[in-house]
Protein backbone atom coordinates (compact mmCIF):
# COMPACT_ATOMS: atom_id res chain seq x y z
CA UNK A 1 -10.26 -4.43 -14.00
CA UNK A 2 -8.58 -5.40 -10.85
CA UNK A 3 -9.20 -4.74 -7.32
CA UNK A 4 -6.33 -4.26 -4.93
CA UNK A 5 -7.20 -4.02 -1.23
CA UNK A 6 -3.89 -2.90 0.13
CA UNK A 7 -2.44 -1.27 0.34
CA UNK A 8 -1.69 0.24 1.65
CA UNK A 9 -2.34 0.70 4.29
CA UNK A 10 -3.96 0.64 7.53
CA UNK A 11 -7.22 -0.65 8.77
CA UNK A 12 -9.89 -1.27 6.37
CA UNK A 13 -11.92 1.71 5.64
CA UNK A 14 -15.64 1.31 5.62
CA UNK A 15 -15.82 2.89 2.29
CA UNK A 16 -14.18 0.61 -0.34
CA UNK A 17 -14.09 2.13 -3.71
CA UNK A 18 -12.06 2.21 -6.92
CA UNK A 19 -11.50 5.98 -7.21
CA UNK A 20 -9.46 7.53 -4.55
CA UNK A 21 -9.41 4.80 -1.85
CA UNK A 22 -10.42 5.81 1.59
CA UNK A 23 -7.96 3.73 3.59
CA UNK A 24 -5.78 4.55 6.38
CA UNK A 25 -2.43 5.69 5.51
CA UNK A 26 -0.93 4.32 8.33
CA UNK A 27 -1.34 1.23 7.29
CA UNK A 28 0.45 2.25 4.75
CA UNK A 29 0.04 5.24 5.96
CA UNK A 30 -1.21 5.71 3.07
CA UNK A 31 0.24 5.46 3.42
CA UNK A 32 1.84 5.92 5.82
CA UNK A 33 1.77 6.70 8.93
CA UNK A 34 1.18 8.68 11.35
CA UNK A 35 1.57 9.61 14.74
CA UNK A 36 2.52 11.56 17.46
CA UNK A 37 2.75 15.19 17.41
CA UNK A 38 4.16 18.27 18.51
CA UNK A 39 1.51 18.51 21.28
CA UNK A 40 2.25 15.02 22.68
CA UNK A 41 3.18 15.02 26.37
CA UNK A 42 6.90 14.73 26.83
CA UNK A 43 8.40 11.52 28.11
CA UNK A 44 11.38 11.84 30.44
CA UNK A 45 14.58 11.77 28.48
CA UNK A 46 12.87 11.94 25.05
CA UNK A 47 14.73 15.12 23.87
CA UNK A 48 18.16 13.58 24.44
CA UNK A 49 17.28 10.16 22.98
CA UNK A 50 18.00 9.00 19.48
CA UNK A 51 15.31 9.61 16.80
CA UNK A 52 14.27 5.86 17.08
CA UNK A 53 13.95 6.05 20.89
CA UNK A 54 12.15 9.43 20.63
CA UNK A 55 9.67 7.89 18.27
CA UNK A 56 9.07 4.90 20.50
CA UNK A 57 8.73 7.13 23.51
CA UNK A 58 6.28 9.40 21.77
CA UNK A 59 4.15 6.34 20.75
CA UNK A 60 4.19 5.22 24.37
CA UNK A 61 3.10 8.59 25.57
CA UNK A 62 0.18 8.60 23.04
CA UNK A 63 -0.98 5.26 24.34
CA UNK A 64 -0.66 6.37 27.92
CA UNK A 65 -2.67 9.42 27.19
CA UNK A 66 -5.49 7.26 25.95
CA UNK A 67 -5.23 5.20 29.15
CA UNK A 68 -4.03 2.14 27.11
CA UNK A 69 -0.38 1.75 28.36
CA UNK A 70 -0.55 -2.07 28.25
CA UNK A 71 -0.28 -3.82 24.89
CA UNK A 72 -3.45 -5.43 23.58
CA UNK A 73 -3.87 -9.23 23.29
CA UNK A 74 -3.46 -8.86 19.47
CA UNK A 75 -0.17 -6.86 19.91
CA UNK A 76 1.19 -9.51 22.27
CA UNK A 77 0.40 -12.38 19.90
CA UNK A 78 1.26 -10.98 16.52
CA UNK A 79 4.69 -11.84 14.98
CA UNK A 80 5.83 -8.33 14.43
CA UNK A 81 7.44 -5.32 16.11
CA UNK A 82 9.13 -2.01 15.52
CA UNK A 83 12.80 -2.30 14.58
CA UNK A 84 15.41 -0.97 16.99
CA UNK A 85 15.58 2.51 15.45
CA UNK A 86 11.71 2.84 15.71
CA UNK A 87 11.49 3.94 12.00
CA UNK A 88 10.24 0.73 10.38
CA UNK A 89 8.23 -2.22 11.30
CA UNK A 90 8.57 -6.00 10.45
CA UNK A 91 5.91 -8.74 10.76
CA UNK A 92 5.85 -12.33 9.65
CA UNK A 93 2.93 -14.20 8.21
CA UNK A 94 2.25 -17.80 7.46
CA UNK A 95 0.38 -18.36 4.11
CA UNK A 96 -2.86 -20.22 4.93
CA UNK A 97 -4.47 -22.76 2.71
CA UNK A 98 -7.49 -20.50 1.94
CA UNK A 99 -5.15 -17.71 0.87
CA UNK A 100 -3.78 -19.56 -2.17
CA UNK A 101 -5.29 -19.87 -5.65
CA UNK A 102 -5.44 -22.42 -8.39
CA UNK A 103 -1.65 -22.42 -8.77
CA UNK A 104 -1.24 -23.32 -5.10
CA UNK A 105 0.48 -19.99 -4.38
CA UNK A 106 -0.82 -16.90 -2.62
CA UNK A 107 -3.12 -14.70 -4.76
CA UNK A 108 -2.39 -11.07 -5.43
CA UNK A 109 -5.34 -10.24 -3.25
CA UNK A 110 -3.63 -12.09 -0.41
CA UNK A 111 -0.40 -10.14 -0.88
CA UNK A 112 -2.33 -6.80 -1.03
CA UNK A 113 -4.20 -7.68 2.17
CA UNK A 114 -0.99 -8.55 3.99
CA UNK A 115 0.58 -5.19 2.91
CA UNK A 116 -2.51 -3.48 4.44
CA UNK A 117 -2.38 -5.58 7.58
CA UNK A 118 1.34 -4.87 8.24
CA UNK A 119 0.71 -1.18 7.59
CA UNK A 120 -2.09 -1.25 10.18
CA UNK A 121 0.01 -2.98 12.66
CA UNK A 122 2.73 -0.43 12.22
CA UNK A 123 0.28 2.30 12.90
CA UNK A 124 -1.10 0.61 15.95
CA UNK A 125 2.42 0.08 17.29
CA UNK A 126 3.07 3.75 17.06
CA UNK A 127 -0.11 4.60 19.01
CA UNK A 128 -2.09 6.21 16.14
CA UNK A 129 -5.84 6.15 16.04
CA UNK A 130 -7.09 2.52 15.71
CA UNK A 131 -10.36 3.43 14.06
CA UNK A 132 -9.16 2.03 10.80
CA UNK A 133 -7.82 5.30 9.40
CA UNK A 134 -4.58 5.75 11.26
CA UNK A 135 -5.32 9.49 11.92
CA UNK A 136 -3.31 11.76 14.13
CA UNK A 137 -4.83 14.06 16.83
CA UNK A 138 -4.49 17.06 14.57
CA UNK A 139 -6.17 15.17 11.70
CA UNK A 140 -9.14 14.25 13.79
CA UNK A 141 -9.57 17.84 14.85
CA UNK A 142 -9.53 19.05 11.29
CA UNK A 143 -11.76 16.18 10.03
CA UNK A 144 -9.06 14.74 7.75
CA UNK A 145 -8.51 11.13 6.62
CA UNK A 146 -5.86 9.42 4.51
CA UNK A 147 -6.67 8.30 0.93
CA UNK A 148 -4.49 6.49 -1.60
CA UNK A 149 -3.69 8.12 -4.99
CA UNK A 150 -1.25 5.50 -6.30
CA UNK A 151 -0.33 1.93 -5.48
CA UNK A 152 2.45 -0.13 -7.18
CA UNK A 153 3.12 -3.84 -6.33
CA UNK A 154 5.72 -6.11 -7.91
CA UNK A 155 5.82 -9.88 -7.08
CA UNK A 156 9.03 -11.69 -8.10
CA UNK A 157 7.95 -15.03 -6.53
CA UNK A 158 4.57 -15.90 -5.04
CA UNK A 159 4.78 -17.68 -1.67
CA UNK A 160 3.13 -21.11 -1.37
CA UNK A 161 0.82 -22.52 1.33
CA UNK A 162 2.82 -22.96 4.54
CA UNK A 163 5.62 -20.49 3.48
CA UNK A 164 6.42 -17.72 5.97
CA UNK A 165 6.64 -14.24 4.58
CA UNK A 166 8.37 -11.34 6.39
CA UNK A 167 7.18 -7.93 5.47
CA UNK A 168 9.00 -4.71 6.40
CA UNK A 169 7.21 -1.31 6.04
CA UNK A 170 8.03 2.34 6.72
CA UNK A 171 6.63 5.75 5.83
CA UNK A 172 8.12 9.00 4.75
CA UNK A 173 7.36 12.39 3.27
CA UNK A 174 6.43 12.77 -0.43
CA UNK A 175 6.73 16.38 -1.30
CA UNK A 176 4.73 19.03 0.54
CA UNK A 177 1.32 17.59 0.00
CA UNK A 178 1.58 13.86 0.70
CA UNK A 179 3.19 10.88 2.21
CA UNK A 180 4.26 7.46 0.99
CA UNK A 181 4.48 4.02 2.41
CA UNK A 182 6.96 1.38 1.08
CA UNK A 183 7.19 -2.39 1.77
CA UNK A 184 9.75 -5.22 1.14
CA UNK A 185 8.59 -8.84 1.17
CA UNK A 186 11.04 -11.68 1.98
CA UNK A 187 10.88 -15.42 2.19
CA UNK A 188 11.69 -15.77 5.86
CA UNK A 189 13.35 -19.23 5.30
CA UNK A 190 16.14 -17.88 3.05
CA UNK A 191 15.88 -14.12 3.17
CA UNK A 192 15.20 -13.87 -0.59
CA UNK A 193 13.34 -10.66 -1.59
CA UNK A 194 10.14 -11.91 -3.30
CA UNK A 195 8.31 -8.60 -3.66
CA UNK A 196 8.24 -4.90 -3.19
CA UNK A 197 5.52 -2.27 -3.05
CA UNK A 198 5.10 1.48 -2.73
CA UNK A 199 2.12 3.76 -2.33
CA UNK A 200 1.42 7.50 -2.24
CA UNK A 201 -1.24 9.12 0.02
CA UNK A 202 -2.81 12.42 0.62
CA UNK A 203 -5.19 13.90 3.15
CA UNK A 204 -8.88 14.40 2.41
CA UNK A 205 -11.53 16.32 4.28
CA UNK A 206 -14.07 13.56 5.15
CA UNK A 207 -17.04 15.94 4.93
CA UNK A 208 -16.27 17.97 1.73
CA UNK A 209 -14.39 14.99 -0.01
CA UNK A 210 -11.77 17.38 -1.12
CA UNK A 211 -8.04 16.86 -0.93
CA UNK A 212 -6.09 19.15 1.46
CA UNK A 213 -2.47 20.01 1.91
CA UNK A 214 -0.81 18.17 4.82
CA UNK A 215 -0.48 20.81 7.57
CA UNK A 216 2.60 21.42 9.57
CA UNK A 217 1.06 20.03 12.78
CA UNK A 218 0.13 16.77 10.94
CA UNK A 219 3.60 16.56 9.42
CA UNK A 220 5.18 16.91 12.83
CA UNK A 221 3.05 14.14 14.20
CA UNK A 222 3.71 11.79 11.31
CA UNK A 223 7.28 12.27 10.33
CA UNK A 224 8.87 11.86 13.77
CA UNK A 225 8.38 8.15 12.95
CA UNK A 226 9.93 8.33 9.46
CA UNK A 227 13.51 7.89 8.20
CA UNK A 228 15.42 11.14 8.08
CA UNK A 229 16.89 10.44 4.68
CA UNK A 230 14.86 8.98 1.73
CA UNK A 231 14.54 5.20 1.73
CA UNK A 232 12.78 3.61 -1.33
CA UNK A 233 11.64 0.08 -1.77
CA UNK A 234 12.61 0.28 -5.50
CA UNK A 235 16.01 1.35 -6.81
CA UNK A 236 15.96 4.60 -8.66
CA UNK A 237 17.31 3.24 -11.92
CA UNK A 238 14.55 2.21 -14.40
CA UNK A 239 12.08 2.42 -11.51
CA UNK A 240 8.80 1.00 -12.90
CA UNK A 241 6.83 2.29 -9.91
CA UNK A 242 7.24 5.88 -11.32
CA UNK A 243 6.16 5.10 -14.95
CA UNK A 244 3.23 7.20 -16.11
CA UNK A 245 0.02 5.38 -17.12
CA UNK A 246 -1.28 6.89 -20.33
CA UNK A 247 -4.88 7.46 -21.12
CA UNK A 248 -6.62 4.35 -22.61
CA UNK A 249 -7.68 4.72 -26.29
CA UNK A 250 -11.34 4.14 -27.06
CA UNK A 251 -12.68 1.75 -28.22
CA UNK A 252 -10.63 -0.54 -26.06
CA UNK A 253 -9.53 -3.97 -27.22
CA UNK A 254 -11.40 -5.64 -24.28
CA UNK A 255 -14.38 -4.06 -22.69
CA UNK A 256 -17.14 -5.20 -20.33
CA UNK A 257 -19.32 -4.14 -17.48
CA UNK A 258 -17.94 -5.27 -14.14
CA UNK A 259 -14.44 -5.50 -12.76
CA UNK A 260 -12.69 -8.21 -14.80
CA UNK A 261 -11.43 -7.53 -18.34
CA UNK A 262 -8.13 -9.56 -18.69
CA UNK A 263 -8.56 -12.07 -21.54
CA UNK A 264 -9.22 -15.50 -20.17
CA UNK A 265 -6.33 -17.14 -22.09
CA UNK A 266 -3.92 -14.81 -20.22
CA UNK A 267 -5.43 -15.69 -16.85
CA UNK A 268 -5.14 -19.43 -17.75
CA UNK A 269 -1.46 -19.25 -18.83
CA UNK A 270 0.07 -16.34 -16.93
CA UNK A 271 0.44 -14.91 -13.34
CA UNK A 272 0.31 -11.31 -12.33
CA UNK A 273 3.85 -9.88 -11.82
CA UNK A 274 3.31 -6.20 -11.44
CA UNK A 275 0.32 -3.94 -10.80
CA UNK A 276 0.15 -0.10 -10.69
CA UNK A 277 -3.06 1.81 -9.95
CA UNK A 278 -3.69 5.53 -10.13
CA UNK A 279 -6.78 6.63 -8.24
CA UNK A 280 -8.65 9.63 -9.73
CA UNK A 281 -12.24 9.60 -8.44
CA UNK A 282 -14.44 7.96 -5.78
CA UNK A 283 -17.17 5.58 -6.80
CA UNK A 284 -20.11 4.52 -4.65
CA UNK A 285 -21.70 1.19 -3.84
CA UNK A 286 -24.39 1.35 -6.46
CA UNK A 287 -22.40 3.04 -9.26
CA UNK A 288 -22.18 1.14 -12.62
CA UNK A 289 -18.73 1.08 -14.06
CA UNK A 290 -17.16 0.02 -17.30
CA UNK A 291 -13.88 -1.89 -17.35
CA UNK A 292 -11.62 -1.28 -20.44
CA UNK A 293 -8.30 -3.04 -21.28
CA UNK A 294 -5.76 -2.63 -24.06
CA UNK A 295 -2.58 -4.53 -24.73
CA UNK A 296 0.45 -2.08 -24.18
CA UNK A 297 3.34 -2.49 -26.48
CA UNK A 298 6.90 -2.39 -24.91
CA UNK A 299 8.25 -3.74 -21.63
CA UNK A 300 9.83 -2.45 -18.54
CA UNK A 301 13.57 -2.47 -18.72
CA UNK A 302 14.32 -3.91 -15.36
CA UNK A 303 12.91 -6.11 -12.64
CA UNK A 304 13.60 -3.40 -10.03
CA UNK A 305 16.22 -5.28 -8.09
CA UNK A 306 14.88 -8.87 -8.51
CA UNK A 307 17.48 -11.65 -8.90
CA UNK A 308 15.61 -13.01 -11.97
CA UNK A 309 16.44 -11.97 -15.44
CA UNK A 310 13.79 -10.30 -17.47
CA UNK A 311 11.70 -12.84 -19.51
CA UNK A 312 11.50 -12.91 -23.24
CA UNK A 313 8.83 -10.70 -24.81
CA UNK A 314 6.63 -13.70 -25.70
CA UNK A 315 6.63 -14.80 -22.10
CA UNK A 316 5.26 -11.49 -20.73
CA UNK A 317 2.08 -9.55 -21.52
CA UNK A 318 1.44 -5.94 -20.49
CA UNK A 319 -1.91 -4.21 -20.30
CA UNK A 320 -3.41 -0.80 -19.78
CA UNK A 321 -6.58 -0.65 -17.80
CA UNK A 322 -9.35 1.97 -17.13
CA UNK A 323 -12.27 1.96 -14.85
CA UNK A 324 -14.87 4.56 -15.66
CA UNK A 325 -18.45 5.50 -14.84
CA UNK A 326 -20.84 3.88 -17.25
CA UNK A 327 -23.19 6.96 -17.17
CA UNK A 328 -20.74 9.77 -18.14
CA UNK A 329 -17.46 8.04 -18.99
CA UNK A 330 -15.47 9.88 -16.30
CA UNK A 331 -12.41 7.97 -15.21
CA UNK A 332 -12.32 6.29 -11.80
CA UNK A 333 -8.78 4.93 -12.05
CA UNK A 334 -6.13 3.98 -14.48
CA UNK A 335 -3.93 0.82 -14.16
CA UNK A 336 -1.15 -1.09 -15.70
CA UNK A 337 -0.50 -4.78 -15.17
CA UNK A 338 2.39 -7.08 -16.31
CA UNK A 339 1.75 -10.82 -16.54
CA UNK A 340 4.50 -13.41 -16.85
CA UNK A 341 4.02 -16.93 -18.31
CA UNK A 342 3.44 -19.57 -15.84
CA UNK A 343 6.19 -22.24 -15.54
CA UNK A 344 4.59 -25.57 -16.14
């Protein structure tokens, strides 16, 4: 099927898998983010400051507590920083020649990696753990890590080699048991929105591998750095990021061992526009998986805020995907992809 390394989120986790992804939420903090908590030492004036200044001060206090008050060389050189309110982060990236594909534009893997990178940078700027998991002090005491349970990416226009992409990211609460991280991608040259993404994260006990409810202490540490009112990368109307992925019928139209099952004629004539992944189980390095794909009838009704009009039906193909264990057939994840016809 497809592998998406994003997401979201923060540093790359040593365990890369297709089921629930063990990645730092900060990065996307899983989404999202994380940081400073109720037990963080107070900084002079923090209580009277604005939420943005309070968040920045708390992050500074966390770094000082670690004996790391000075920014690292990477922090000084990267083209990114917290915004003035301290509740979101922007970073710019130049698309390198080795990050483009056969169409001379950035690949979806490149986009996903940049989303993860900016999420990690956001987490680092807030003073969260830099071990690749963007964990808070309370999370580390409880043995918790962030894992992704949904990732949705839409690309309206792929940047080309030499283009400069500006990515903004922020985190926020998602119910009582999780968090979310959102991103907006722009062409820095003209300010055009070229893509959006969103992800949902939960906390998992790294020893038992079971999901756990986000505790009040963790919420206090994380959400001081989040917008106080909901802010979504995708508009609410006809929001494709919320669309449920149905179970794939068996036998599938396309099936093979391995990770690729999109028909070659689609790969040759189309480019990936939208990808949604729901993570259900972990899989390990030596597991054998089956990749199943069916054509899905029907189209999304909107482009979620893009300036382009929706293409005619014959110009777009939509697929349902399933990765499952070869031994017992249990689902690892479900996916949906939308492919638009290449302009020649």
